[in-house]
Amino acid sequence: MMTARFFFKGIYLVIILNGILLLGCKKTKTPSPKVTISVWYGHEQYFGNVGQPQAQINILGNIQADSAGITAYYKLNDSQEKHVLTLGSDLHRLAAQGDFNIEIYRDNLKNGANSVNLYVTKDGKVLESKEIGIHYNPKTEWPLPYSVNWAEVENIQDVVQVVDGHWKITPQGIRTQDVYYDRVLAIGDASWRDYEVTTTVTFHGYTPPEEGPPTYNVSHAALATLWPGHDRDSLQPNRKWHPLGATAEFRITDGYKNCRWRIFDGDNFYEEQKEDQYRDIKEGITYAMKHRVQDLPNNSVQYSVKLWEANQKEPKEWDFQAVETSKLKHPGGSCLLIAHNTDITFGNVDIIPLKGIPTVGD
């Protein structure tokens, strides 16, 4: 009896050991990387309800993953073409790790409902996807005059087009959420010319200018005019920001000392205030900011700018004026509000057409 008992116990022990051995030989399944897709301005976005401020629309957001080697692409509507996305940072338009900017030319959109399907992959396998509804009206023209009162706005893209950056409406206006290279809002139409844009700007902080990215030796708040959209290049998203009319940048230097205007177009002309016109400003103070663009004879264009404390009377004289000459008449374009490596709030915006207004030193 004892012998039989030990015999059966031995059999049971062999079975148990074999089971343990087999379990140990099973391959452990590696979990898929965790992916989070954030689309900053909603999963249903509307373009063209007010007008057409540039040649492209922009869908902005961020992709985060707990694994390296992530790639992303999108498909538009029923097309099977994969449009590969650059994921930030790219030291230019894409600020943070995982930022993306889906840039689609309006000519590729249907009137009405469109869909953008965004895919995140690793080693050829789709890890996560997101569908974004795009509603497009190509038949509108941005009205002029035009005003934005941020206190009345719920959806940023109802009143401007966000070209770059993560922006947020605050009780004081609209503020950059990422202090980096050119954070951009577009307002207007390709047909616009001879107009004046006025807003306010409050500086909360800035990245000190230094050579190389992302400041490229300048930090500023700017108003640009006659904007057509980024020019085509070989990058995603397009990086070439000229030709345009001109960008008027109020440059911030160390400690807000010796700040000054410069006006230039990136191609043909560059003008900057002389040293005796430099000025100091203060952080946290709200300043009014104005840029006028006006045609002159012989295809020339005059750009005029001024900045003053918002609680003071507007000065009669312009801070700075520059004239661009050209062999050809400059095409029209929209205006931009730009924060370049600055933490700023833009206030309400008023844009008026120029009719019968003198051009020189007014």
Protein backbone atom coordinates (compact mmCIF):
# COMPACT_ATOMS: atom_id res chain seq x y z
CA MET A 1 0.00 0.00 0.00
CA MET A 2 2.79 2.42 0.92
CA THR A 3 4.55 1.63 -2.32
CA ALA A 4 1.41 2.34 -4.40
CA ARG A 5 0.78 5.62 -2.50
CA PHE A 6 4.29 6.87 -3.22
CA PHE A 7 3.93 5.79 -6.83
CA PHE A 8 0.78 7.86 -7.40
CA LYS A 9 2.24 10.83 -5.52
CA GLY A 10 5.20 10.65 -7.87
CA ILE A 11 2.90 10.73 -10.90
CA TYR A 12 1.06 13.78 -9.51
CA LEU A 13 4.36 15.54 -8.86
CA VAL A 14 5.57 14.92 -12.44
CA ILE A 15 2.27 16.28 -13.84
CA ILE A 16 2.48 19.43 -11.69
CA LEU A 17 6.11 20.04 -12.60
CA ASN A 18 5.38 19.57 -16.30
CA GLY A 19 2.50 22.06 -16.05
CA ILE A 20 4.70 24.63 -14.38
CA LEU A 21 7.35 24.07 -17.05
CA LEU A 22 4.82 24.52 -19.86
CA LEU A 23 3.49 27.75 -18.32
CA GLY A 24 7.01 29.07 -18.05
CA CYS A 25 7.60 28.37 -21.75
CA LYS A 26 4.61 30.48 -22.88
CA LYS A 27 5.61 33.76 -24.52
CA THR A 28 4.72 36.88 -22.57
CA LYS A 29 2.65 39.22 -24.78
CA THR A 30 4.19 42.69 -25.02
CA PRO A 31 1.50 45.34 -24.45
CA SER A 32 0.98 47.90 -27.22
CA PRO A 33 2.30 51.40 -26.52
CA LYS A 34 -0.24 53.73 -24.96
CA VAL A 35 -1.11 56.61 -27.31
CA THR A 36 -3.06 59.81 -26.62
CA ILE A 37 -4.21 62.06 -29.48
CA SER A 38 -5.24 65.60 -28.53
CA VAL A 39 -6.96 67.78 -31.14
CA TRP A 40 -6.78 71.29 -29.74
CA TYR A 41 -9.74 72.99 -31.36
CA GLY A 42 -12.24 70.15 -31.37
CA HIS A 43 -13.15 67.04 -33.33
CA GLU A 44 -15.59 69.05 -35.45
CA GLN A 45 -14.01 72.13 -37.00
CA TYR A 46 -15.42 74.81 -39.30
CA PHE A 47 -13.51 76.76 -41.94
CA GLY A 48 -14.76 79.42 -44.31
CA ASN A 49 -17.77 80.46 -42.26
CA VAL A 50 -16.35 84.00 -42.08
CA GLY A 51 -13.95 83.97 -45.04
CA GLN A 52 -10.73 82.65 -46.54
CA PRO A 53 -7.71 84.15 -44.71
CA GLN A 54 -5.09 81.98 -46.43
CA ALA A 55 -4.59 79.20 -48.95
CA GLN A 56 -4.64 76.43 -46.32
CA ILE A 57 -6.55 75.26 -43.28
CA ASN A 58 -4.69 74.02 -40.20
CA ILE A 59 -5.69 71.25 -37.78
CA LEU A 60 -3.51 71.40 -34.70
CA GLY A 61 -2.83 69.09 -31.80
CA ASN A 62 -0.44 66.78 -30.02
CA ILE A 63 0.32 63.04 -29.92
CA GLN A 64 1.84 61.47 -26.82
CA ALA A 65 3.06 57.87 -26.57
CA ASP A 66 4.91 55.87 -23.91
CA SER A 67 7.20 54.39 -26.56
CA ALA A 68 9.77 55.74 -29.01
CA GLY A 69 9.54 55.25 -32.77
CA ILE A 70 6.00 56.56 -33.20
CA THR A 71 4.96 57.89 -36.62
CA ALA A 72 1.74 59.51 -37.86
CA TYR A 73 -0.14 60.15 -41.09
CA TYR A 74 -3.61 61.23 -42.18
CA LYS A 75 -6.07 60.50 -44.98
CA LEU A 76 -8.50 63.03 -46.40
CA ASN A 77 -12.07 61.98 -47.20
CA ASP A 78 -12.23 58.79 -49.29
CA SER A 79 -8.66 59.01 -50.55
CA GLN A 80 -6.30 56.19 -49.58
CA GLU A 81 -3.27 58.46 -49.94
CA LYS A 82 -1.25 58.63 -46.74
CA HIS A 83 -0.01 62.11 -45.88
CA VAL A 84 2.92 61.72 -43.50
CA LEU A 85 3.02 64.16 -40.58
CA THR A 86 6.01 65.69 -38.88
CA LEU A 87 5.83 65.36 -35.11
CA GLY A 88 7.43 68.09 -33.02
CA SER A 89 9.52 69.59 -32.00
CA ASP A 90 10.88 70.81 -35.34
CA LEU A 91 12.41 73.98 -33.79
CA HIS A 92 10.00 76.06 -35.87
CA ARG A 93 6.23 75.69 -36.19
CA LEU A 94 5.95 72.58 -34.00
CA ALA A 95 6.83 73.54 -30.44
CA ALA A 96 6.53 70.55 -28.11
CA GLN A 97 7.32 66.88 -28.49
CA GLY A 98 4.45 65.29 -30.40
CA ASP A 99 2.91 68.51 -31.74
CA PHE A 100 1.39 68.24 -35.23
CA ASN A 101 -0.05 70.62 -37.80
CA ILE A 102 -2.24 69.08 -40.51
CA GLU A 103 -2.02 71.64 -43.28
CA ILE A 104 -4.54 71.13 -46.10
CA TYR A 105 -4.92 73.37 -49.12
CA ARG A 106 -8.47 74.60 -49.48
CA ASP A 107 -8.56 73.46 -53.11
CA ASN A 108 -8.46 69.87 -51.82
CA LEU A 109 -11.56 70.27 -49.65
CA LYS A 110 -15.15 69.61 -50.65
CA ASN A 111 -17.85 72.19 -50.12
CA GLY A 112 -19.54 71.01 -46.93
CA ALA A 113 -18.56 67.97 -44.91
CA ASN A 114 -15.04 66.52 -45.07
CA SER A 115 -13.27 63.99 -42.89
CA VAL A 116 -9.66 63.73 -41.78
CA ASN A 117 -8.60 60.37 -40.37
CA LEU A 118 -5.44 60.57 -38.28
CA TYR A 119 -3.41 57.41 -37.63
CA VAL A 120 -0.58 56.79 -35.17
CA THR A 121 1.67 53.84 -36.00
CA LYS A 122 4.73 51.94 -34.89
CA ASP A 123 6.55 49.35 -37.00
CA GLY A 124 3.73 49.51 -39.54
CA LYS A 125 1.00 48.74 -37.01
CA VAL A 126 -1.79 51.24 -36.28
CA LEU A 127 -1.85 51.94 -32.56
CA GLU A 128 -4.51 54.64 -32.43
CA SER A 129 -6.69 56.64 -34.80
CA LYS A 130 -8.95 59.65 -34.65
CA GLU A 131 -11.54 61.02 -37.07
CA ILE A 132 -11.88 64.80 -37.33
CA GLY A 133 -14.86 66.35 -39.06
CA ILE A 134 -14.09 69.35 -41.27
CA HIS A 135 -16.91 71.60 -42.46
CA TYR A 136 -15.89 73.95 -45.24
CA ASN A 137 -17.61 76.85 -46.98
CA PRO A 138 -15.56 78.13 -49.94
CA LYS A 139 -18.01 80.83 -51.00
CA THR A 140 -17.48 83.44 -48.28
CA GLU A 141 -15.39 86.61 -48.24
CA TRP A 142 -14.18 88.01 -44.92
CA PRO A 143 -16.05 91.27 -44.23
CA LEU A 144 -14.26 94.58 -43.81
CA PRO A 145 -14.59 96.40 -41.41
CA TYR A 146 -14.30 93.58 -38.89
CA SER A 147 -14.09 93.36 -35.10
CA VAL A 148 -13.44 90.68 -32.48
CA ASN A 149 -14.63 91.04 -28.90
CA TRP A 150 -13.10 88.08 -27.08
CA ALA A 151 -15.63 88.30 -24.24
CA GLU A 152 -18.31 87.26 -26.72
CA VAL A 153 -16.37 84.35 -28.25
CA GLU A 154 -16.77 80.70 -27.24
CA ASN A 155 -15.00 79.00 -30.14
CA ILE A 156 -11.76 80.70 -31.23
CA GLN A 157 -12.08 79.51 -34.81
CA ASP A 158 -15.49 81.17 -35.16
CA VAL A 159 -13.71 84.54 -35.41
CA VAL A 160 -10.10 83.81 -36.51
CA GLN A 161 -8.17 80.95 -38.07
CA VAL A 162 -5.46 79.49 -35.86
CA VAL A 163 -2.43 78.92 -38.08
CA ASP A 164 0.01 77.87 -35.38
CA GLY A 165 0.06 77.35 -31.65
CA HIS A 166 -2.17 76.52 -28.73
CA TRP A 167 -4.25 79.57 -27.76
CA LYS A 168 -6.76 80.13 -24.98
CA ILE A 169 -9.42 82.78 -24.42
CA THR A 170 -9.04 84.58 -21.09
CA PRO A 171 -10.95 87.46 -19.48
CA GLN A 172 -8.31 89.81 -20.95
CA GLY A 173 -8.29 88.45 -24.51
CA ILE A 174 -6.52 85.53 -26.21
CA ARG A 175 -3.24 84.20 -24.80
CA THR A 176 -0.51 81.90 -26.05
CA GLN A 177 -0.23 78.60 -24.19
CA ASP A 178 3.14 77.66 -25.67
CA VAL A 179 5.95 80.22 -25.76
CA TYR A 180 7.75 79.37 -28.96
CA TYR A 181 8.43 80.23 -32.59
CA ASP A 182 5.64 82.16 -34.40
CA ARG A 183 2.30 81.43 -32.72
CA VAL A 184 -0.10 82.80 -35.35
CA LEU A 185 -3.75 83.87 -35.74
CA ALA A 186 -5.09 84.87 -39.18
CA ILE A 187 -7.94 87.29 -39.90
CA GLY A 188 -9.09 88.54 -43.28
CA ASP A 189 -9.21 87.76 -46.96
CA ALA A 190 -6.91 87.42 -49.96
CA SER A 191 -8.64 90.44 -51.49
CA TRP A 192 -7.87 92.80 -48.62
CA ARG A 193 -5.61 95.80 -49.18
CA ASP A 194 -5.52 99.33 -47.75
CA TYR A 195 -6.58 98.59 -44.20
CA GLU A 196 -5.66 99.24 -40.58
CA VAL A 197 -5.63 96.75 -37.71
CA THR A 198 -5.71 97.77 -34.05
CA THR A 199 -5.46 95.54 -30.99
CA THR A 200 -3.88 95.52 -27.55
CA VAL A 201 -0.95 93.47 -26.30
CA THR A 202 0.14 92.56 -22.77
CA PHE A 203 3.54 90.96 -22.22
CA HIS A 204 3.64 88.32 -19.47
CA GLY A 205 7.09 86.95 -20.26
CA TYR A 206 9.43 85.98 -23.07
CA THR A 207 12.31 83.76 -24.07
CA PRO A 208 15.48 85.89 -24.25
CA PRO A 209 16.67 86.25 -27.86
CA GLU A 210 19.71 84.21 -28.79
CA GLU A 211 21.27 82.88 -31.96
CA GLY A 212 19.75 79.69 -33.31
CA PRO A 213 16.41 78.00 -32.59
CA PRO A 214 13.82 78.64 -31.43
CA THR A 215 14.24 82.43 -31.06
CA TYR A 216 16.60 83.00 -34.00
CA ASN A 217 17.87 86.09 -32.19
CA VAL A 218 14.48 87.77 -31.81
CA SER A 219 11.44 87.73 -29.49
CA HIS A 220 8.46 89.87 -30.40
CA ALA A 221 4.77 90.61 -30.76
CA ALA A 222 3.83 91.40 -34.34
CA LEU A 223 1.08 92.39 -36.73
CA ALA A 224 1.59 91.24 -40.32
CA THR A 225 -0.40 92.33 -43.35
CA LEU A 226 -1.11 91.14 -46.92
CA TRP A 227 -0.71 87.51 -45.88
CA PRO A 228 -1.47 84.74 -48.45
CA GLY A 229 -0.49 81.70 -46.39
CA HIS A 230 2.77 79.79 -46.00
CA ASP A 231 4.55 79.30 -49.30
CA ARG A 232 5.01 75.75 -50.59
CA ASP A 233 8.29 74.10 -49.72
CA SER A 234 9.54 70.57 -49.12
CA LEU A 235 8.61 70.49 -45.43
CA GLN A 236 5.57 69.40 -43.45
CA PRO A 237 4.09 71.74 -42.43
CA ASN A 238 5.35 74.37 -44.88
CA ARG A 239 7.86 76.63 -43.16
CA LYS A 240 8.49 79.40 -45.70
CA TRP A 241 6.52 82.42 -44.43
CA HIS A 242 7.20 84.79 -47.32
CA PRO A 243 6.30 86.32 -49.71
CA LEU A 244 3.77 88.50 -47.92
CA GLY A 245 3.25 92.23 -47.54
CA ALA A 246 5.25 92.81 -44.39
CA THR A 247 5.46 91.79 -40.78
CA ALA A 248 5.75 94.63 -38.27
CA GLU A 249 7.49 93.24 -35.19
CA PHE A 250 7.82 94.98 -31.85
CA ARG A 251 11.05 93.39 -30.67
CA ILE A 252 11.64 92.61 -27.00
CA THR A 253 15.18 92.74 -25.65
CA ASP A 254 16.79 91.97 -22.29
CA GLY A 255 14.69 93.28 -19.42
CA TYR A 256 12.27 95.01 -21.82
CA LYS A 257 14.94 97.66 -22.42
CA ASN A 258 15.68 99.21 -25.81
CA CYS A 259 12.68 97.64 -27.53
CA ARG A 260 11.97 98.70 -31.11
CA TRP A 261 10.02 98.15 -34.30
CA ARG A 262 11.23 96.48 -37.45
CA ILE A 263 9.27 96.08 -40.69
CA PHE A 264 10.32 93.64 -43.38
CA ASP A 265 9.05 91.07 -45.86
CA GLY A 266 11.68 88.34 -45.68
CA ASP A 267 12.64 88.90 -49.33
CA ASN A 268 13.10 92.40 -50.66
CA PHE A 269 13.19 95.00 -47.93
CA TYR A 270 14.09 95.48 -44.27
CA GLU A 271 13.69 98.61 -42.13
CA GLU A 272 14.37 98.99 -38.40
CA GLN A 273 14.10 101.89 -35.98
CA LYS A 274 17.29 103.78 -35.26
CA GLU A 275 18.87 103.55 -31.83
CA ASP A 276 17.58 106.96 -30.72
CA GLN A 277 14.04 105.62 -31.22
CA TYR A 278 14.44 102.60 -28.94
CA ARG A 279 12.16 102.52 -25.89
CA ASP A 280 11.57 100.65 -22.64
CA ILE A 281 8.29 98.96 -21.81
CA LYS A 282 6.93 97.15 -18.75
CA GLU A 283 5.72 93.61 -18.24
CA GLY A 284 2.04 93.35 -17.31
CA ILE A 285 1.10 96.73 -18.80
CA THR A 286 -1.45 96.67 -21.63
CA TYR A 287 -0.39 98.50 -24.77
CA ALA A 288 -2.42 99.43 -27.82
CA MET A 289 -0.87 98.32 -31.10
CA LYS A 290 -1.70 99.50 -34.62
CA HIS A 291 -0.51 98.59 -38.12
CA ARG A 292 -1.69 100.36 -41.28
CA VAL A 293 -0.97 99.10 -44.79
CA GLN A 294 -1.67 101.42 -47.70
CA ASP A 295 -0.96 101.45 -51.43
CA LEU A 296 1.16 104.26 -52.87
CA PRO A 297 1.69 105.19 -56.53
CA ASN A 298 4.04 103.11 -58.70
CA ASN A 299 3.23 99.79 -56.97
CA SER A 300 4.74 100.92 -53.66
CA VAL A 301 3.20 100.06 -50.29
CA GLN A 302 3.52 102.01 -47.05
CA TYR A 303 3.48 100.29 -43.64
CA SER A 304 2.92 102.40 -40.52
CA VAL A 305 3.01 101.21 -36.90
CA LYS A 306 2.64 102.56 -33.39
CA LEU A 307 2.45 101.24 -29.81
CA TRP A 308 1.28 103.18 -26.76
CA GLU A 309 -0.11 102.53 -23.28
CA ALA A 310 -3.73 101.55 -23.76
CA ASN A 311 -4.99 103.81 -20.97
CA GLN A 312 -3.40 106.84 -22.65
CA LYS A 313 -4.57 108.90 -25.61
CA GLU A 314 -3.39 107.59 -28.95
CA PRO A 315 -0.39 109.60 -30.19
CA LYS A 316 -0.93 111.42 -33.47
CA GLU A 317 2.42 110.43 -34.96
CA TRP A 318 3.43 106.97 -36.05
CA ASP A 319 6.30 105.28 -34.23
CA PHE A 320 7.75 104.04 -37.48
CA GLN A 321 6.96 103.92 -41.20
CA ALA A 322 8.52 101.99 -44.06
CA VAL A 323 7.86 101.94 -47.80
CA GLU A 324 8.31 98.89 -49.99
CA THR A 325 8.85 99.47 -53.70
CA SER A 326 8.12 96.86 -56.33
CA LYS A 327 7.93 96.45 -60.08
CA LEU A 328 4.59 94.66 -59.70
CA LYS A 329 1.52 95.52 -57.69
CA HIS A 330 1.49 93.54 -54.47
CA PRO A 331 -1.43 91.12 -54.16
CA GLY A 332 -3.81 91.59 -51.27
CA GLY A 333 -3.99 89.45 -48.18
CA SER A 334 -5.15 88.98 -44.61
CA CYS A 335 -3.57 90.15 -41.37
CA LEU A 336 -1.83 88.11 -38.70
CA LEU A 337 -1.45 88.41 -34.93
CA ILE A 338 1.90 86.84 -34.03
CA ALA A 339 3.64 85.91 -30.78
CA HIS A 340 7.25 84.86 -31.36
CA ASN A 341 8.85 83.42 -28.22
CA THR A 342 6.65 85.66 -26.10
CA ASP A 343 3.93 84.93 -23.55
CA ILE A 344 1.38 87.56 -24.51
CA THR A 345 -2.31 88.35 -24.52
CA PHE A 346 -3.87 90.04 -27.53
CA GLY A 347 -7.00 92.03 -26.73
CA ASN A 348 -9.99 92.94 -28.88
CA VAL A 349 -9.32 93.47 -32.57
CA ASP A 350 -10.65 96.19 -34.88
CA ILE A 351 -9.89 96.29 -38.60
CA ILE A 352 -11.07 99.11 -40.83
CA PRO A 353 -10.71 99.87 -44.55
CA LEU A 354 -8.83 103.01 -45.54
CA LYS A 355 -10.94 105.31 -47.67
CA GLY A 356 -9.72 108.80 -48.41
CA ILE A 357 -7.09 108.69 -45.65
CA PRO A 358 -3.82 110.59 -46.40
CA THR A 359 -0.68 108.48 -46.66
CA VAL A 360 2.28 110.54 -45.51
CA GLY A 361 3.00 111.05 -41.82
CA ASP A 362 -0.66 111.21 -40.81
